[in-house]
N, C-alpha and C. Protein backbone atom coordinates (compact mmCIF):
# COMPACT_ATOMS: atom_id res chain seq x y z
N MET A 1 -10.72 -36.07 0.64
CA MET A 1 -11.60 -35.17 -0.24
C MET A 1 -10.76 -33.98 -0.51
N ASP A 2 -10.75 -33.49 -1.84
CA ASP A 2 -9.99 -32.32 -2.18
C ASP A 2 -10.70 -31.11 -1.77
N GLU A 3 -9.92 -30.18 -1.42
CA GLU A 3 -10.58 -28.82 -0.95
C GLU A 3 -11.10 -28.12 -2.17
N GLU A 4 -12.25 -27.43 -1.85
CA GLU A 4 -12.89 -26.64 -2.90
C GLU A 4 -12.13 -25.36 -3.17
N PHE A 5 -11.99 -25.01 -4.49
CA PHE A 5 -11.32 -23.85 -4.91
C PHE A 5 -12.50 -22.80 -5.17
N VAL A 6 -12.20 -21.56 -4.80
CA VAL A 6 -13.09 -20.50 -4.92
C VAL A 6 -12.58 -19.34 -5.72
N VAL A 7 -13.40 -18.71 -6.56
CA VAL A 7 -12.95 -17.52 -7.24
C VAL A 7 -12.63 -16.49 -6.34
N ILE A 8 -11.48 -15.90 -6.44
CA ILE A 8 -11.02 -14.83 -5.56
C ILE A 8 -11.03 -13.35 -6.31
N ARG A 9 -10.61 -13.51 -7.56
CA ARG A 9 -10.62 -12.32 -8.47
C ARG A 9 -11.15 -12.63 -9.82
N GLU A 10 -11.56 -11.75 -10.68
CA GLU A 10 -11.80 -11.84 -12.06
C GLU A 10 -11.13 -10.74 -12.74
N TYR A 11 -10.38 -11.21 -13.90
CA TYR A 11 -9.63 -10.31 -14.74
C TYR A 11 -10.15 -10.23 -16.08
N ARG A 12 -9.86 -9.15 -16.77
CA ARG A 12 -10.33 -8.99 -18.20
C ARG A 12 -9.47 -9.73 -19.13
N THR A 13 -8.29 -10.03 -18.86
CA THR A 13 -7.39 -10.87 -19.77
C THR A 13 -6.71 -12.07 -19.07
N PRO A 14 -6.40 -13.10 -19.76
CA PRO A 14 -5.53 -14.17 -19.20
C PRO A 14 -4.25 -13.64 -18.52
N TRP A 15 -3.71 -12.61 -19.21
CA TRP A 15 -2.46 -12.27 -18.80
C TRP A 15 -2.38 -11.73 -17.43
N GLU A 16 -3.41 -10.82 -17.18
CA GLU A 16 -3.60 -10.29 -15.80
C GLU A 16 -3.81 -11.40 -14.90
N ALA A 17 -4.54 -12.35 -15.07
CA ALA A 17 -4.81 -13.48 -14.19
C ALA A 17 -3.53 -14.28 -13.92
N HIS A 18 -2.83 -14.37 -14.90
CA HIS A 18 -1.55 -15.27 -14.78
C HIS A 18 -0.46 -14.46 -13.91
N VAL A 19 -0.40 -13.06 -14.03
CA VAL A 19 0.47 -12.35 -13.23
C VAL A 19 0.06 -12.56 -11.72
N ALA A 20 -1.02 -12.42 -11.52
CA ALA A 20 -1.48 -12.60 -10.09
C ALA A 20 -1.33 -13.98 -9.60
N ALA A 21 -1.69 -14.99 -10.46
CA ALA A 21 -1.45 -16.38 -10.02
C ALA A 21 0.16 -16.57 -9.71
N ALA A 22 0.86 -15.99 -10.55
CA ALA A 22 2.34 -16.25 -10.32
C ALA A 22 2.83 -15.69 -8.92
N ARG A 23 2.16 -14.57 -8.64
CA ARG A 23 2.49 -13.97 -7.31
C ARG A 23 2.04 -14.79 -6.21
N LEU A 24 0.80 -15.31 -6.28
CA LEU A 24 0.34 -16.19 -5.29
C LEU A 24 1.03 -17.52 -5.13
N GLU A 25 1.46 -18.05 -6.35
CA GLU A 25 2.31 -19.29 -6.28
C GLU A 25 3.66 -18.97 -5.65
N ASP A 26 4.29 -17.78 -5.86
CA ASP A 26 5.52 -17.52 -5.26
C ASP A 26 5.36 -17.58 -3.63
N GLU A 27 4.11 -17.32 -3.26
CA GLU A 27 3.79 -17.31 -1.77
C GLU A 27 3.43 -18.67 -1.19
N GLY A 28 3.32 -19.70 -2.14
CA GLY A 28 2.97 -21.06 -1.85
C GLY A 28 1.58 -21.35 -1.87
N ILE A 29 0.86 -20.46 -2.54
CA ILE A 29 -0.71 -20.69 -2.65
C ILE A 29 -0.98 -21.24 -3.95
N PRO A 30 -1.53 -22.45 -3.92
CA PRO A 30 -1.99 -22.90 -5.16
C PRO A 30 -3.18 -22.29 -5.81
N CYS A 31 -3.18 -22.13 -7.08
CA CYS A 31 -4.27 -21.53 -7.68
C CYS A 31 -4.45 -22.01 -9.18
N MET A 32 -5.65 -21.58 -9.71
CA MET A 32 -6.10 -22.08 -11.02
C MET A 32 -6.72 -20.88 -11.72
N VAL A 33 -6.34 -20.77 -13.06
CA VAL A 33 -6.93 -19.77 -13.89
C VAL A 33 -8.02 -20.46 -14.77
N GLU A 34 -9.20 -19.88 -14.60
CA GLU A 34 -10.33 -20.53 -15.36
C GLU A 34 -10.80 -19.61 -16.50
N ASP A 35 -11.35 -20.17 -17.59
CA ASP A 35 -11.99 -19.50 -18.64
C ASP A 35 -10.99 -18.71 -19.50
N GLU A 36 -9.74 -19.02 -19.32
CA GLU A 36 -8.73 -18.25 -20.18
C GLU A 36 -8.91 -18.48 -21.68
N ASP A 37 -9.22 -19.77 -22.06
CA ASP A 37 -9.40 -20.10 -23.44
C ASP A 37 -10.56 -19.45 -24.07
N ALA A 38 -11.69 -19.43 -23.30
CA ALA A 38 -12.85 -18.76 -23.91
C ALA A 38 -12.52 -17.25 -24.06
N ALA A 39 -11.80 -16.65 -23.07
CA ALA A 39 -11.56 -15.23 -23.16
C ALA A 39 -10.60 -14.84 -24.33
N SER A 40 -9.72 -15.82 -24.49
CA SER A 40 -8.68 -15.54 -25.61
C SER A 40 -9.36 -15.75 -26.98
N ALA A 41 -10.15 -16.69 -27.07
CA ALA A 41 -10.86 -17.16 -28.41
C ALA A 41 -12.01 -16.18 -28.73
N PHE A 42 -12.81 -15.95 -27.79
CA PHE A 42 -14.06 -15.18 -28.02
C PHE A 42 -14.18 -13.73 -27.30
N GLY A 43 -13.39 -13.37 -26.47
CA GLY A 43 -13.51 -12.08 -25.77
C GLY A 43 -13.62 -11.02 -26.64
N SER A 44 -12.96 -10.81 -27.70
CA SER A 44 -13.18 -9.54 -28.53
C SER A 44 -14.45 -9.77 -29.35
N ALA A 45 -14.78 -10.96 -29.69
CA ALA A 45 -15.97 -11.10 -30.64
C ALA A 45 -17.28 -10.90 -29.86
N ILE A 46 -17.45 -11.34 -28.65
CA ILE A 46 -18.59 -11.27 -27.84
C ILE A 46 -18.64 -10.37 -26.71
N GLY A 47 -17.56 -9.66 -26.50
CA GLY A 47 -17.52 -8.80 -25.36
C GLY A 47 -16.60 -9.44 -24.18
N GLU A 48 -16.49 -8.79 -23.14
CA GLU A 48 -15.59 -9.27 -22.14
C GLU A 48 -16.13 -10.58 -21.49
N ILE A 49 -15.12 -11.42 -21.39
CA ILE A 49 -15.38 -12.64 -20.57
C ILE A 49 -14.36 -12.60 -19.52
N ALA A 50 -14.87 -12.72 -18.30
CA ALA A 50 -13.94 -12.62 -17.07
C ALA A 50 -13.22 -13.99 -16.98
N VAL A 51 -11.94 -13.67 -16.64
CA VAL A 51 -10.90 -14.94 -16.42
C VAL A 51 -10.85 -14.89 -14.97
N GLY A 52 -11.33 -16.02 -14.34
CA GLY A 52 -11.33 -16.20 -12.91
C GLY A 52 -9.98 -16.78 -12.34
N LEU A 53 -9.61 -16.28 -11.25
CA LEU A 53 -8.54 -16.70 -10.47
C LEU A 53 -9.01 -17.39 -9.23
N LYS A 54 -8.75 -18.67 -9.07
CA LYS A 54 -9.29 -19.54 -8.05
C LYS A 54 -8.17 -20.00 -7.01
N VAL A 55 -8.49 -20.03 -5.77
CA VAL A 55 -7.56 -20.47 -4.77
C VAL A 55 -8.39 -21.47 -3.78
N PRO A 56 -7.70 -22.32 -3.00
CA PRO A 56 -8.46 -23.08 -2.11
C PRO A 56 -9.09 -22.18 -1.05
N GLU A 57 -10.19 -22.54 -0.56
CA GLU A 57 -11.03 -21.76 0.43
C GLU A 57 -10.19 -21.48 1.63
N SER A 58 -9.39 -22.39 2.16
CA SER A 58 -8.48 -22.12 3.26
C SER A 58 -7.48 -21.13 3.00
N CYS A 59 -7.16 -20.83 1.71
CA CYS A 59 -6.03 -19.73 1.52
C CYS A 59 -6.66 -18.37 1.05
N ARG A 60 -8.02 -18.43 1.07
CA ARG A 60 -8.61 -17.14 0.51
C ARG A 60 -8.10 -15.90 1.17
N GLU A 61 -8.16 -15.73 2.41
CA GLU A 61 -7.75 -14.62 3.10
C GLU A 61 -6.30 -14.17 2.91
N LYS A 62 -5.40 -15.10 3.06
CA LYS A 62 -3.94 -14.81 2.72
C LYS A 62 -3.89 -14.38 1.27
N ALA A 63 -4.43 -14.95 0.35
CA ALA A 63 -4.43 -14.65 -1.05
C ALA A 63 -4.99 -13.30 -1.31
N ASP A 64 -6.11 -12.92 -0.62
CA ASP A 64 -6.64 -11.63 -0.86
C ASP A 64 -5.76 -10.57 -0.41
N ARG A 65 -5.17 -10.83 0.79
CA ARG A 65 -3.98 -9.66 1.33
C ARG A 65 -2.96 -9.58 0.34
N ILE A 66 -2.49 -10.67 -0.19
CA ILE A 66 -1.47 -10.58 -1.20
C ILE A 66 -1.82 -9.81 -2.53
N LEU A 67 -2.98 -10.11 -3.07
CA LEU A 67 -3.47 -9.50 -4.23
C LEU A 67 -3.75 -8.03 -3.94
N LEU A 68 -4.27 -7.74 -2.71
CA LEU A 68 -4.61 -6.25 -2.47
C LEU A 68 -3.23 -5.51 -2.51
N ASP A 69 -2.11 -6.13 -1.97
CA ASP A 69 -0.80 -5.46 -1.92
C ASP A 69 -0.35 -5.29 -3.39
N LEU A 70 -0.49 -6.31 -4.16
CA LEU A 70 -0.01 -6.32 -5.53
C LEU A 70 -0.77 -5.17 -6.34
N GLU A 71 -2.10 -5.08 -6.08
CA GLU A 71 -2.93 -4.03 -6.75
C GLU A 71 -2.55 -2.66 -6.40
N GLU A 72 -2.28 -2.51 -5.03
CA GLU A 72 -1.82 -1.23 -4.49
C GLU A 72 -0.51 -0.72 -5.19
N ARG A 73 0.35 -1.75 -5.16
CA ARG A 73 1.74 -1.34 -5.91
C ARG A 73 1.63 -0.92 -7.37
N ALA A 74 0.63 -1.64 -7.98
CA ALA A 74 0.44 -1.39 -9.39
C ALA A 74 -0.25 0.03 -9.58
N ARG A 75 -1.05 0.40 -8.71
CA ARG A 75 -1.69 1.73 -8.66
C ARG A 75 -0.41 2.92 -8.44
N GLU A 76 0.40 2.45 -7.44
CA GLU A 76 1.38 3.47 -7.22
C GLU A 76 2.38 3.60 -8.34
N ASP A 77 2.72 2.48 -9.04
CA ASP A 77 3.50 2.51 -10.00
C ASP A 77 2.90 3.33 -11.27
N GLU A 78 1.61 3.26 -11.39
CA GLU A 78 0.95 3.88 -12.44
C GLU A 78 0.87 5.44 -12.18
N ASP A 79 0.64 5.78 -10.94
CA ASP A 79 0.69 7.16 -10.51
C ASP A 79 2.15 7.86 -10.66
N ASP A 80 3.11 6.96 -10.41
CA ASP A 80 4.52 7.51 -10.52
C ASP A 80 4.92 7.67 -12.02
N ALA A 81 4.25 6.84 -12.95
CA ALA A 81 4.53 6.99 -14.26
C ALA A 81 3.92 8.22 -14.95
N GLN A 82 2.86 8.79 -14.26
CA GLN A 82 2.08 9.98 -14.84
C GLN A 82 2.68 11.28 -14.58
């Protein structure tokens, strides 16, 4: 039986979700981006559509740590740029 994938983050754009997914894949964590077609096609017309990033349940904790680090680095870079 295949392991269940769970949503670990939701993003406003497919681009943001794919950046996070690439980081997780670099660490050997399989992931899937969901709802990116709907967000791209309809997002501006009907408001925000969350783009979900899913990982296997068994990888959830490791993926969360990696994404927290990625988010912290992004905030630091943003602060440095100001």
